[in-house]
Amino acid sequence: MRLLLLFYPWLELLSLIQLGIETSAMVPLLWVLAMFMLGAALIKRVGTASVLRLREAQQSGVLQQSLFLDDVAVAVAALLLMIPGLISDFFAVVVLIGPLRRFLARLLTGKLASQSSASSRHNSASASASASASAPGGSNFRSSGVYEGEYQDISEDLSQGGEGAASQGELPRDP
């Protein structure tokens, strides 16, 4: 994955150079400019449309999550269009095609859900095993990370010279 991130800008540059070799030098320049303008126009359209939908949802009291997910997908596609290169433009078109985007999302979320459920089962099993091993008597004890207790502010006692044990440098003991 790291190698892909390292080589991605170079692949984008190579795709533009190859387009220039196959056509002329002006075609890649015009392509990058046109895709940037198209991406900026898409972001502007999605922004105003989502604000209008949010107002309508606020007035009607019904929020449709699928509409906002489509808006986010179009915004991601617009950002991909604004990145110079043909590979990012291809992925932008894939994201813009609704049925293909939803199919890929189901495919990826299915894989991610199965991986996350397997890892969560593994993490919970190892956490319960370590908790039962460390708990006295082997009970199934889990720490929630919240600790309760009481405290007493002794800074006033120490700043005024204190009395008894506090003046000798020792902390007062709880009765």
Protein backbone atom coordinates (compact mmCIF):
# COMPACT_ATOMS: atom_id res chain seq x y z
CA MET A 1 0.00 0.00 0.00
CA ARG A 2 2.86 2.35 0.81
CA LEU A 3 4.46 1.62 -2.54
CA LEU A 4 1.21 2.50 -4.27
CA LEU A 5 1.11 5.84 -2.46
CA LEU A 6 4.73 6.42 -3.40
CA PHE A 7 4.24 5.66 -7.08
CA TYR A 8 0.76 7.18 -7.52
CA PRO A 9 1.91 10.74 -8.40
CA TRP A 10 4.42 9.29 -10.84
CA LEU A 11 1.73 7.17 -12.47
CA GLU A 12 -0.47 10.25 -12.84
CA LEU A 13 2.41 12.15 -14.42
CA LEU A 14 3.19 9.23 -16.71
CA SER A 15 -0.44 9.08 -17.85
CA LEU A 16 -0.40 12.76 -18.77
CA ILE A 17 2.92 12.41 -20.58
CA GLN A 18 1.59 9.43 -22.51
CA LEU A 19 -1.53 11.41 -23.46
CA GLY A 20 0.74 14.18 -24.72
CA ILE A 21 2.79 11.72 -26.76
CA GLU A 22 -0.30 10.18 -28.35
CA THR A 23 -1.93 13.53 -29.17
CA SER A 24 -0.19 16.87 -28.76
CA ALA A 25 1.27 18.86 -25.87
CA MET A 26 -1.82 21.08 -25.57
CA VAL A 27 -4.28 18.21 -25.00
CA PRO A 28 -2.98 17.25 -21.52
CA LEU A 29 -2.86 20.91 -20.49
CA LEU A 30 -6.41 21.50 -21.65
CA TRP A 31 -7.51 18.21 -20.06
CA VAL A 32 -6.13 19.19 -16.65
CA LEU A 33 -7.67 22.65 -16.88
CA ALA A 34 -11.07 21.31 -17.98
CA MET A 35 -11.16 18.64 -15.25
CA PHE A 36 -10.18 21.19 -12.61
CA MET A 37 -12.99 23.52 -13.72
CA LEU A 38 -15.46 20.61 -13.83
CA GLY A 39 -14.44 19.53 -10.32
CA ALA A 40 -14.82 23.06 -8.98
CA ALA A 41 -18.27 23.37 -10.59
CA LEU A 42 -19.33 20.02 -9.09
CA ILE A 43 -18.22 21.08 -5.61
CA LYS A 44 -20.12 24.35 -5.93
CA ARG A 45 -23.27 22.55 -7.11
CA VAL A 46 -23.09 19.90 -4.40
CA GLY A 47 -22.49 22.50 -1.71
CA THR A 48 -25.53 24.58 -2.58
CA ALA A 49 -27.71 21.50 -3.13
CA SER A 50 -26.75 19.99 0.22
CA VAL A 51 -27.45 23.27 2.03
CA LEU A 52 -30.90 23.41 0.42
CA ARG A 53 -31.58 19.76 1.36
CA LEU A 54 -30.46 20.45 4.92
CA ARG A 55 -32.88 23.37 5.17
CA GLU A 56 -35.74 21.26 3.82
CA ALA A 57 -34.87 18.44 6.22
CA GLN A 58 -34.76 20.87 9.12
CA GLN A 59 -38.17 22.28 8.24
CA SER A 60 -39.79 18.88 7.65
CA GLY A 61 -37.98 17.13 10.48
CA VAL A 62 -36.99 14.19 8.25
CA LEU A 63 -33.32 13.61 7.53
CA GLN A 64 -32.48 11.28 4.66
CA GLN A 65 -29.00 9.92 5.10
CA SER A 66 -28.76 8.52 1.57
CA LEU A 67 -29.06 11.99 0.02
CA PHE A 68 -26.12 13.27 2.03
CA LEU A 69 -24.05 10.20 1.21
CA ASP A 70 -24.63 10.87 -2.47
CA ASP A 71 -23.56 14.48 -1.97
CA VAL A 72 -20.38 13.36 -0.23
CA ALA A 73 -19.68 10.90 -3.04
CA VAL A 74 -20.06 13.64 -5.65
CA ALA A 75 -17.77 15.91 -3.61
CA VAL A 76 -15.13 13.17 -3.45
CA ALA A 77 -15.47 12.68 -7.21
CA ALA A 78 -15.06 16.42 -7.72
CA LEU A 79 -11.87 16.42 -5.66
CA LEU A 80 -10.59 13.49 -7.68
CA LEU A 81 -11.32 15.41 -10.87
CA MET A 82 -9.33 18.36 -9.55
CA ILE A 83 -6.22 16.19 -9.08
CA PRO A 84 -4.22 16.36 -12.32
CA GLY A 85 -3.98 13.02 -14.07
CA LEU A 86 -6.02 10.42 -15.89
CA ILE A 87 -6.07 7.77 -13.15
CA SER A 88 -7.79 10.02 -10.63
CA ASP A 89 -10.24 11.07 -13.35
CA PHE A 90 -11.09 7.41 -13.97
CA PHE A 91 -11.78 6.87 -10.27
CA ALA A 92 -13.88 10.05 -10.24
CA VAL A 93 -16.07 8.66 -13.03
CA VAL A 94 -16.41 5.37 -11.11
CA VAL A 95 -17.53 7.29 -8.01
CA LEU A 96 -19.95 9.42 -10.04
CA ILE A 97 -21.77 6.38 -11.48
CA GLY A 98 -24.33 5.68 -8.74
CA PRO A 99 -25.02 1.95 -9.17
CA LEU A 100 -21.33 1.14 -9.57
CA ARG A 101 -20.47 3.26 -6.51
CA ARG A 102 -23.12 1.50 -4.40
CA PHE A 103 -21.95 -1.94 -5.57
CA LEU A 104 -18.35 -1.13 -4.68
CA ALA A 105 -19.45 0.30 -1.32
CA ARG A 106 -21.36 -2.89 -0.50
CA LEU A 107 -18.41 -4.97 -1.60
CA LEU A 108 -15.92 -2.96 0.46
CA THR A 109 -18.14 -2.60 3.53
CA GLY A 110 -18.88 -6.31 3.45
CA LYS A 111 -15.18 -7.06 3.51
CA LEU A 112 -14.50 -4.38 6.10
CA ALA A 113 -17.41 -5.52 8.26
CA SER A 114 -16.23 -9.12 8.21
CA GLN A 115 -12.66 -8.04 8.99
CA SER A 116 -13.75 -5.68 11.78
CA SER A 117 -16.10 -8.25 13.32
CA ALA A 118 -13.34 -10.84 13.26
CA SER A 119 -10.86 -8.43 14.82
CA SER A 120 -13.39 -7.26 17.41
CA ARG A 121 -14.12 -10.87 18.33
CA HIS A 122 -10.39 -11.48 18.65
CA ASN A 123 -9.87 -8.31 20.72
CA SER A 124 -12.80 -9.04 23.03
CA ALA A 125 -11.66 -12.63 23.51
CA SER A 126 -8.10 -11.58 24.35
CA ALA A 127 -9.36 -8.77 26.62
CA SER A 128 -11.66 -11.10 28.55
CA ALA A 129 -8.88 -13.68 28.84
CA SER A 130 -6.43 -11.12 30.19
CA ALA A 131 -9.07 -9.64 32.51
CA SER A 132 -10.00 -13.03 33.93
CA ALA A 133 -6.34 -13.91 34.39
CA SER A 134 -5.59 -10.69 36.23
CA ALA A 135 -8.77 -10.58 38.32
CA PRO A 136 -8.64 -12.09 41.80
CA GLY A 137 -10.22 -15.51 41.92
CA GLY A 138 -10.26 -15.71 38.10
CA SER A 139 -13.58 -13.88 37.83
CA ASN A 140 -14.57 -12.26 34.56
CA PHE A 141 -13.70 -8.67 35.56
CA ARG A 142 -13.45 -5.82 33.08
CA SER A 143 -12.18 -2.38 33.91
CA SER A 144 -14.24 0.41 32.40
CA GLY A 145 -11.47 2.98 32.79
CA VAL A 146 -13.57 5.14 35.16
CA TYR A 147 -12.26 5.53 38.68
CA GLU A 148 -14.24 7.11 41.46
CA GLY A 149 -12.88 8.56 44.64
CA GLU A 150 -12.77 11.50 47.01
CA TYR A 151 -10.07 14.08 47.49
CA GLN A 152 -9.29 16.89 49.88
CA ASP A 153 -7.62 20.13 48.80
CA ILE A 154 -4.72 20.69 51.16
CA SER A 155 -3.11 23.58 49.30
CA GLU A 156 -4.72 26.14 51.68
CA ASP A 157 -3.45 24.27 54.72
CA LEU A 158 0.07 24.12 53.34
CA SER A 159 0.14 27.78 52.22
CA GLN A 160 -0.98 29.00 55.71
CA GLY A 161 1.66 27.01 57.52
CA GLY A 162 -0.72 24.17 58.21
CA GLU A 163 -1.36 22.39 61.43
CA GLY A 164 0.07 19.21 62.84
CA ALA A 165 1.20 16.68 60.27
CA ALA A 166 0.70 19.02 57.30
CA SER A 167 3.23 21.54 58.69
CA GLN A 168 5.82 18.78 59.09
CA GLY A 169 5.61 17.90 55.39
CA GLU A 170 3.30 14.94 55.77
CA LEU A 171 -0.10 14.73 54.19
CA PRO A 172 -3.09 14.68 56.56
CA ARG A 173 -4.59 11.24 56.97
CA ASP A 174 -8.19 10.46 56.19
CA PRO A 175 -10.17 9.75 59.41
